[in-house]
Amino acid sequence: RQDIFDYIEMFYNPKRRHGYANRLSPVEFERQYFSRQESV
């Protein structure tokens, strides 16, 4: 169980910016995405 947690924390960095998401972190990208969906 700890190994899985460590893998996720090391591999998936929610603060890292991604080129495909207009240089947004995954968390910020999802926040903006769902914000736009609610306003449609």
PDB file of N, CA and C in Angstrom:
ATOM      1  N   ARG A   1       0.822  -1.188   0.000  1.00  0.00           N
ATOM      2  CA  ARG A   1       0.000   0.000   0.000  1.00  0.00           C
ATOM      3  C   ARG A   1       0.875   1.264   0.000  1.00  0.00           C
ATOM      4  N   GLN A   2       1.885   1.256   0.815  1.00  0.00           N
ATOM      5  CA  GLN A   2       2.798   2.397   0.852  1.00  0.00           C
ATOM      6  C   GLN A   2       3.529   2.551  -0.478  1.00  0.00           C
ATOM      7  N   ASP A   3       3.862   1.435  -1.113  1.00  0.00           N
ATOM      8  CA  ASP A   3       4.533   1.496  -2.413  1.00  0.00           C
ATOM      9  C   ASP A   3       3.667   2.185  -3.448  1.00  0.00           C
ATOM     10  N   ILE A   4       2.382   1.894  -3.436  1.00  0.00           N
ATOM     11  CA  ILE A   4       1.460   2.525  -4.388  1.00  0.00           C
ATOM     12  C   ILE A   4       1.376   4.022  -4.120  1.00  0.00           C
ATOM     13  N   PHE A   5       1.253   4.384  -2.861  1.00  0.00           N
ATOM     14  CA  PHE A   5       1.203   5.799  -2.498  1.00  0.00           C
ATOM     15  C   PHE A   5       2.472   6.517  -2.952  1.00  0.00           C
ATOM     16  N   ASP A   6       3.617   5.924  -2.670  1.00  0.00           N
ATOM     17  CA  ASP A   6       4.885   6.527  -3.070  1.00  0.00           C
ATOM     18  C   ASP A   6       4.976   6.673  -4.586  1.00  0.00           C
ATOM     19  N   TYR A   7       4.521   5.670  -5.321  1.00  0.00           N
ATOM     20  CA  TYR A   7       4.560   5.730  -6.785  1.00  0.00           C
ATOM     21  C   TYR A   7       3.703   6.886  -7.297  1.00  0.00           C
ATOM     22  N   ILE A   8       2.503   6.997  -6.765  1.00  0.00           N
ATOM     23  CA  ILE A   8       1.601   8.062  -7.217  1.00  0.00           C
ATOM     24  C   ILE A   8       2.185   9.430  -6.878  1.00  0.00           C
ATOM     25  N   GLU A   9       2.689   9.576  -5.680  1.00  0.00           N
ATOM     26  CA  GLU A   9       3.245  10.861  -5.269  1.00  0.00           C
ATOM     27  C   GLU A   9       4.487  11.233  -6.073  1.00  0.00           C
ATOM     28  N   MET A  10       5.283  10.251  -6.454  1.00  0.00           N
ATOM     29  CA  MET A  10       6.494  10.530  -7.221  1.00  0.00           C
ATOM     30  C   MET A  10       6.192  10.699  -8.711  1.00  0.00           C
ATOM     31  N   PHE A  11       5.285   9.882  -9.245  1.00  0.00           N
ATOM     32  CA  PHE A  11       5.004   9.901 -10.678  1.00  0.00           C
ATOM     33  C   PHE A  11       4.032  11.010 -11.050  1.00  0.00           C
ATOM     34  N   TYR A  12       2.962  11.137 -10.312  1.00  0.00           N
ATOM     35  CA  TYR A  12       1.930  12.116 -10.630  1.00  0.00           C
ATOM     36  C   TYR A  12       2.106  13.319  -9.728  1.00  0.00           C
ATOM     37  N   ASN A  13       2.645  14.354 -10.274  1.00  0.00           N
ATOM     38  CA  ASN A  13       2.866  15.578  -9.519  1.00  0.00           C
ATOM     39  C   ASN A  13       1.765  16.562  -9.896  1.00  0.00           C
ATOM     40  N   PRO A  14       0.794  16.811  -9.022  1.00  0.00           N
ATOM     41  CA  PRO A  14      -0.334  17.678  -9.369  1.00  0.00           C
ATOM     42  C   PRO A  14       0.047  19.139  -9.560  1.00  0.00           C
ATOM     43  N   LYS A  15       1.248  19.526  -9.179  1.00  0.00           N
ATOM     44  CA  LYS A  15       1.665  20.918  -9.319  1.00  0.00           C
ATOM     45  C   LYS A  15       2.512  21.156 -10.554  1.00  0.00           C
ATOM     46  N   ARG A  16       2.995  20.077 -11.173  1.00  0.00           N
ATOM     47  CA  ARG A  16       3.859  20.214 -12.343  1.00  0.00           C
ATOM     48  C   ARG A  16       3.055  20.786 -13.504  1.00  0.00           C
ATOM     49  N   ARG A  17       3.629  21.705 -14.206  1.00  0.00           N
ATOM     50  CA  ARG A  17       2.948  22.297 -15.353  1.00  0.00           C
ATOM     51  C   ARG A  17       3.175  21.427 -16.575  1.00  0.00           C
ATOM     52  N   HIS A  18       2.150  21.358 -17.422  1.00  0.00           N
ATOM     53  CA  HIS A  18       2.197  20.511 -18.606  1.00  0.00           C
ATOM     54  C   HIS A  18       2.035  21.356 -19.863  1.00  0.00           C
ATOM     55  N   GLY A  19       2.806  21.015 -20.884  1.00  0.00           N
ATOM     56  CA  GLY A  19       2.740  21.738 -22.140  1.00  0.00           C
ATOM     57  C   GLY A  19       1.406  21.592 -22.843  1.00  0.00           C
ATOM     58  N   TYR A  20       0.806  20.415 -22.787  1.00  0.00           N
ATOM     59  CA  TYR A  20      -0.463  20.203 -23.488  1.00  0.00           C
ATOM     60  C   TYR A  20      -1.605  20.954 -22.837  1.00  0.00           C
ATOM     61  N   ALA A  21      -1.456  21.372 -21.602  1.00  0.00           N
ATOM     62  CA  ALA A  21      -2.534  22.043 -20.873  1.00  0.00           C
ATOM     63  C   ALA A  21      -2.260  23.539 -20.756  1.00  0.00           C
ATOM     64  N   ASN A  22      -1.601  24.094 -21.759  1.00  0.00           N
ATOM     65  CA  ASN A  22      -1.312  25.527 -21.772  1.00  0.00           C
ATOM     66  C   ASN A  22      -0.497  25.944 -20.545  1.00  0.00           C
ATOM     67  N   ARG A  23       0.446  25.098 -20.156  1.00  0.00           N
ATOM     68  CA  ARG A  23       1.365  25.336 -19.037  1.00  0.00           C
ATOM     69  C   ARG A  23       0.659  25.422 -17.685  1.00  0.00           C
ATOM     70  N   LEU A  24      -0.488  24.753 -17.549  1.00  0.00           N
ATOM     71  CA  LEU A  24      -1.205  24.695 -16.275  1.00  0.00           C
ATOM     72  C   LEU A  24      -0.912  23.384 -15.571  1.00  0.00           C
ATOM     73  N   SER A  25      -1.013  23.396 -14.265  1.00  0.00           N
ATOM     74  CA  SER A  25      -0.905  22.144 -13.523  1.00  0.00           C
ATOM     75  C   SER A  25      -2.174  21.335 -13.770  1.00  0.00           C
ATOM     76  N   PRO A  26      -2.137  20.029 -13.585  1.00  0.00           N
ATOM     77  CA  PRO A  26      -3.340  19.215 -13.776  1.00  0.00           C
ATOM     78  C   PRO A  26      -4.503  19.670 -12.897  1.00  0.00           C
ATOM     79  N   VAL A  27      -4.221  20.053 -11.676  1.00  0.00           N
ATOM     80  CA  VAL A  27      -5.284  20.501 -10.768  1.00  0.00           C
ATOM     81  C   VAL A  27      -5.920  21.787 -11.289  1.00  0.00           C
ATOM     82  N   GLU A  28      -5.101  22.739 -11.714  1.00  0.00           N
ATOM     83  CA  GLU A  28      -5.622  24.005 -12.229  1.00  0.00           C
ATOM     84  C   GLU A  28      -6.362  23.792 -13.546  1.00  0.00           C
ATOM     85  N   PHE A  29      -5.853  22.927 -14.404  1.00  0.00           N
ATOM     86  CA  PHE A  29      -6.518  22.624 -15.664  1.00  0.00           C
ATOM     87  C   PHE A  29      -7.923  22.079 -15.417  1.00  0.00           C
ATOM     88  N   GLU A  30      -8.048  21.120 -14.485  1.00  0.00           N
ATOM     89  CA  GLU A  30      -9.363  20.554 -14.167  1.00  0.00           C
ATOM     90  C   GLU A  30     -10.282  21.600 -13.554  1.00  0.00           C
ATOM     91  N   ARG A  31      -9.748  22.456 -12.705  1.00  0.00           N
ATOM     92  CA  ARG A  31     -10.564  23.495 -12.087  1.00  0.00           C
ATOM     93  C   ARG A  31     -11.146  24.416 -13.155  1.00  0.00           C
ATOM     94  N   GLN A  32     -10.316  24.850 -14.096  1.00  0.00           N
ATOM     95  CA  GLN A  32     -10.789  25.719 -15.168  1.00  0.00           C
ATOM     96  C   GLN A  32     -11.760  24.991 -16.090  1.00  0.00           C
ATOM     97  N   TYR A  33     -11.486  23.736 -16.385  1.00  0.00           N
ATOM     98  CA  TYR A  33     -12.354  22.949 -17.257  1.00  0.00           C
ATOM     99  C   TYR A  33     -13.764  22.856 -16.673  1.00  0.00           C
ATOM    100  N   PHE A  34     -13.855  22.459 -15.418  1.00  0.00           N
ATOM    101  CA  PHE A  34     -15.169  22.298 -14.803  1.00  0.00           C
ATOM    102  C   PHE A  34     -15.857  23.637 -14.578  1.00  0.00           C
ATOM    103  N   SER A  35     -15.097  24.675 -14.377  1.00  0.00           N
ATOM    104  CA  SER A  35     -15.675  26.010 -14.250  1.00  0.00           C
ATOM    105  C   SER A  35     -16.338  26.419 -15.565  1.00  0.00           C
ATOM    106  N   ARG A  36     -15.678  26.118 -16.685  1.00  0.00           N
ATOM    107  CA  ARG A  36     -16.261  26.426 -18.000  1.00  0.00           C
ATOM    108  C   ARG A  36     -17.497  25.577 -18.275  1.00  0.00           C
ATOM    109  N   GLN A  37     -17.494  24.327 -17.837  1.00  0.00           N
ATOM    110  CA  GLN A  37     -18.633  23.438 -18.067  1.00  0.00           C
ATOM    111  C   GLN A  37     -19.870  23.928 -17.323  1.00  0.00           C
ATOM    112  N   GLU A  38     -19.682  24.460 -16.134  1.00  0.00           N
ATOM    113  CA  GLU A  38     -20.808  24.960 -15.348  1.00  0.00           C
ATOM    114  C   GLU A  38     -21.412  26.205 -15.971  1.00  0.00           C
ATOM    115  N   SER A  39     -20.608  27.004 -16.656  1.00  0.00           N
ATOM    116  CA  SER A  39     -21.105  28.255 -17.222  1.00  0.00           C
ATOM    117  C   SER A  39     -21.761  28.069 -18.587  1.00  0.00           C
ATOM    118  N   VAL A  40     -21.676  26.892 -19.161  1.00  0.00           N
ATOM    119  CA  VAL A  40     -22.270  26.641 -20.488  1.00  0.00           C
ATOM    120  C   VAL A  40     -23.730  26.324 -20.364  1.00  0.00           C
TER     121      VAL A  40
END
